[in-house]
């Protein structure tokens, strides 16, 4: 029985390695449309007449959705077996998943 938080963190760190690509895809979608619309980021300049997120959502959406579903399926049994409260467990799981992306961005830049 899993009773320690570091087991859940380790599993989510491993899940975060293949999640780098969907997380960056999600950042691309967010930074080019809703965040650019409110002025927090700028859009990537292109020569397209249609500057809507439909094509990006069609391409990125299924991969992002599949990644989130697989992450949830992997974490659901772990959340029941740990002694952590649900809110702390899911925060730990999200942080553990985002750490490999943060490391990759830091190394890349």
C-alpha atoms as a PDB file:
ATOM      1  CA  UNK A   1       0.000   0.000   0.000  1.00  0.00           C
ATOM      2  CA  UNK A   2       1.331   3.405  -0.949  1.00  0.00           C
ATOM      3  CA  UNK A   3       1.516   5.593   2.127  1.00  0.00           C
ATOM      4  CA  UNK A   4       4.227   8.071   1.278  1.00  0.00           C
ATOM      5  CA  UNK A   5       3.981  11.218  -0.768  1.00  0.00           C
ATOM      6  CA  UNK A   6       7.320  10.681  -2.481  1.00  0.00           C
ATOM      7  CA  UNK A   7       6.052   7.593  -4.296  1.00  0.00           C
ATOM      8  CA  UNK A   8       3.300   9.668  -5.880  1.00  0.00           C
ATOM      9  CA  UNK A   9       5.801  12.414  -6.665  1.00  0.00           C
ATOM     10  CA  UNK A  10       8.167   9.938  -8.333  1.00  0.00           C
ATOM     11  CA  UNK A  11       5.438   8.460 -10.477  1.00  0.00           C
ATOM     12  CA  UNK A  12       4.287  11.905 -11.549  1.00  0.00           C
ATOM     13  CA  UNK A  13       7.854  12.921 -12.358  1.00  0.00           C
ATOM     14  CA  UNK A  14       8.021   9.924 -14.681  1.00  0.00           C
ATOM     15  CA  UNK A  15       4.633  10.832 -16.170  1.00  0.00           C
ATOM     16  CA  UNK A  16       5.884  14.372 -16.681  1.00  0.00           C
ATOM     17  CA  UNK A  17       8.644  13.358 -19.070  1.00  0.00           C
ATOM     18  CA  UNK A  18       6.340  12.380 -21.965  1.00  0.00           C
ATOM     19  CA  UNK A  19       3.955  15.174 -20.914  1.00  0.00           C
ATOM     20  CA  UNK A  20       6.465  17.831 -21.991  1.00  0.00           C
ATOM     21  CA  UNK A  21       5.083  17.889 -25.535  1.00  0.00           C
ATOM     22  CA  UNK A  22       1.375  18.255 -24.627  1.00  0.00           C
ATOM     23  CA  UNK A  23       2.186  20.893 -22.002  1.00  0.00           C
ATOM     24  CA  UNK A  24       4.091  22.942 -24.585  1.00  0.00           C
ATOM     25  CA  UNK A  25       1.214  22.477 -27.041  1.00  0.00           C
ATOM     26  CA  UNK A  26      -1.181  23.777 -24.397  1.00  0.00           C
ATOM     27  CA  UNK A  27       1.112  26.767 -23.787  1.00  0.00           C
ATOM     28  CA  UNK A  28       1.160  27.465 -27.536  1.00  0.00           C
ATOM     29  CA  UNK A  29      -2.637  27.508 -27.640  1.00  0.00           C
ATOM     30  CA  UNK A  30      -3.006  29.656 -24.531  1.00  0.00           C
ATOM     31  CA  UNK A  31      -0.295  32.150 -25.437  1.00  0.00           C
ATOM     32  CA  UNK A  32      -1.522  32.725 -28.988  1.00  0.00           C
ATOM     33  CA  UNK A  33      -5.223  33.182 -28.357  1.00  0.00           C
ATOM     34  CA  UNK A  34      -6.731  33.890 -24.924  1.00  0.00           C
ATOM     35  CA  UNK A  35      -3.608  35.371 -23.338  1.00  0.00           C
ATOM     36  CA  UNK A  36      -2.836  37.401 -26.466  1.00  0.00           C
ATOM     37  CA  UNK A  37      -6.411  38.677 -26.592  1.00  0.00           C
ATOM     38  CA  UNK A  38      -6.117  40.169 -23.114  1.00  0.00           C
ATOM     39  CA  UNK A  39      -2.644  41.558 -23.847  1.00  0.00           C
ATOM     40  CA  UNK A  40      -0.427  39.318 -21.691  1.00  0.00           C
ATOM     41  CA  UNK A  41       1.445  37.768 -24.641  1.00  0.00           C
ATOM     42  CA  UNK A  42       1.846  38.429 -28.347  1.00  0.00           C
ATOM     43  CA  UNK A  43       0.760  36.157 -31.159  1.00  0.00           C
ATOM     44  CA  UNK A  44       3.243  34.392 -33.374  1.00  0.00           C
ATOM     45  CA  UNK A  45       3.232  36.402 -36.604  1.00  0.00           C
ATOM     46  CA  UNK A  46       2.108  34.507 -39.687  1.00  0.00           C
ATOM     47  CA  UNK A  47       0.812  35.163 -43.169  1.00  0.00           C
ATOM     48  CA  UNK A  48      -2.471  33.343 -42.669  1.00  0.00           C
ATOM     49  CA  UNK A  49      -5.722  35.198 -43.240  1.00  0.00           C
ATOM     50  CA  UNK A  50      -7.548  33.059 -40.701  1.00  0.00           C
ATOM     51  CA  UNK A  51      -5.993  33.635 -37.314  1.00  0.00           C
ATOM     52  CA  UNK A  52      -8.356  31.442 -35.342  1.00  0.00           C
ATOM     53  CA  UNK A  53      -7.355  28.603 -33.034  1.00  0.00           C
ATOM     54  CA  UNK A  54      -9.487  26.056 -34.903  1.00  0.00           C
ATOM     55  CA  UNK A  55      -6.633  24.445 -36.836  1.00  0.00           C
ATOM     56  CA  UNK A  56      -4.402  24.364 -33.767  1.00  0.00           C
ATOM     57  CA  UNK A  57      -7.182  22.879 -31.650  1.00  0.00           C
ATOM     58  CA  UNK A  58      -7.861  20.256 -34.297  1.00  0.00           C
ATOM     59  CA  UNK A  59      -4.196  19.257 -34.317  1.00  0.00           C
ATOM     60  CA  UNK A  60      -3.262  19.713 -30.635  1.00  0.00           C
ATOM     61  CA  UNK A  61      -6.594  19.051 -28.931  1.00  0.00           C
ATOM     62  CA  UNK A  62      -6.728  15.247 -29.166  1.00  0.00           C
ATOM     63  CA  UNK A  63      -3.156  14.843 -27.916  1.00  0.00           C
ATOM     64  CA  UNK A  64      -3.699  17.205 -24.995  1.00  0.00           C
ATOM     65  CA  UNK A  65      -6.987  15.512 -24.102  1.00  0.00           C
ATOM     66  CA  UNK A  66      -5.461  12.023 -24.314  1.00  0.00           C
ATOM     67  CA  UNK A  67      -2.555  13.076 -22.112  1.00  0.00           C
ATOM     68  CA  UNK A  68      -4.854  14.553 -19.464  1.00  0.00           C
ATOM     69  CA  UNK A  69      -7.055  11.447 -19.459  1.00  0.00           C
ATOM     70  CA  UNK A  70      -4.066   9.099 -19.148  1.00  0.00           C
ATOM     71  CA  UNK A  71      -2.610  11.256 -16.358  1.00  0.00           C
ATOM     72  CA  UNK A  72      -5.921  11.168 -14.496  1.00  0.00           C
ATOM     73  CA  UNK A  73      -6.283   7.387 -14.973  1.00  0.00           C
ATOM     74  CA  UNK A  74      -2.769   6.836 -13.620  1.00  0.00           C
ATOM     75  CA  UNK A  75      -3.281   9.122 -10.613  1.00  0.00           C
ATOM     76  CA  UNK A  76      -6.779   8.101  -9.582  1.00  0.00           C
ATOM     77  CA  UNK A  77      -5.753   4.830  -7.855  1.00  0.00           C
ATOM     78  CA  UNK A  78      -2.721   6.512  -6.294  1.00  0.00           C
ATOM     79  CA  UNK A  79      -4.867   9.277  -4.813  1.00  0.00           C
ATOM     80  CA  UNK A  80      -6.964   6.707  -2.968  1.00  0.00           C
ATOM     81  CA  UNK A  81      -3.957   4.850  -1.558  1.00  0.00           C
ATOM     82  CA  UNK A  82      -1.979   7.747  -0.137  1.00  0.00           C
ATOM     83  CA  UNK A  83      -2.572   9.312   3.234  1.00  0.00           C
ATOM     84  CA  UNK A  84      -2.562  12.796   1.731  1.00  0.00           C
ATOM     85  CA  UNK A  85      -5.769  14.811   1.570  1.00  0.00           C
ATOM     86  CA  UNK A  86      -7.205  14.991  -1.941  1.00  0.00           C
ATOM     87  CA  UNK A  87      -6.334  18.655  -2.528  1.00  0.00           C
ATOM     88  CA  UNK A  88      -2.704  18.157  -1.493  1.00  0.00           C
ATOM     89  CA  UNK A  89      -2.366  14.984  -3.522  1.00  0.00           C
ATOM     90  CA  UNK A  90      -3.605  16.566  -6.749  1.00  0.00           C
ATOM     91  CA  UNK A  91      -1.424  19.641  -6.183  1.00  0.00           C
ATOM     92  CA  UNK A  92       1.576  17.348  -5.650  1.00  0.00           C
ATOM     93  CA  UNK A  93       0.662  15.347  -8.763  1.00  0.00           C
ATOM     94  CA  UNK A  94       0.381  18.486 -10.889  1.00  0.00           C
ATOM     95  CA  UNK A  95       3.652  19.913  -9.561  1.00  0.00           C
ATOM     96  CA  UNK A  96       5.433  16.612 -10.137  1.00  0.00           C
ATOM     97  CA  UNK A  97       4.173  16.505 -13.699  1.00  0.00           C
ATOM     98  CA  UNK A  98       5.241  20.094 -14.435  1.00  0.00           C
ATOM     99  CA  UNK A  99       8.786  19.741 -13.040  1.00  0.00           C
ATOM    100  CA  UNK A 100      10.240  17.946 -16.130  1.00  0.00           C
ATOM    101  CA  UNK A 101       8.793  20.649 -18.384  1.00  0.00           C
ATOM    102  CA  UNK A 102      10.315  23.387 -16.227  1.00  0.00           C
ATOM    103  CA  UNK A 103      13.692  21.621 -16.291  1.00  0.00           C
ATOM    104  CA  UNK A 104      13.497  21.171 -20.082  1.00  0.00           C
ATOM    105  CA  UNK A 105      12.663  24.847 -20.607  1.00  0.00           C
ATOM    106  CA  UNK A 106      15.479  25.904 -18.279  1.00  0.00           C
ATOM    107  CA  UNK A 107      18.008  23.714 -20.086  1.00  0.00           C
ATOM    108  CA  UNK A 108      16.744  24.769 -23.504  1.00  0.00           C
ATOM    109  CA  UNK A 109      16.973  28.486 -22.760  1.00  0.00           C
END
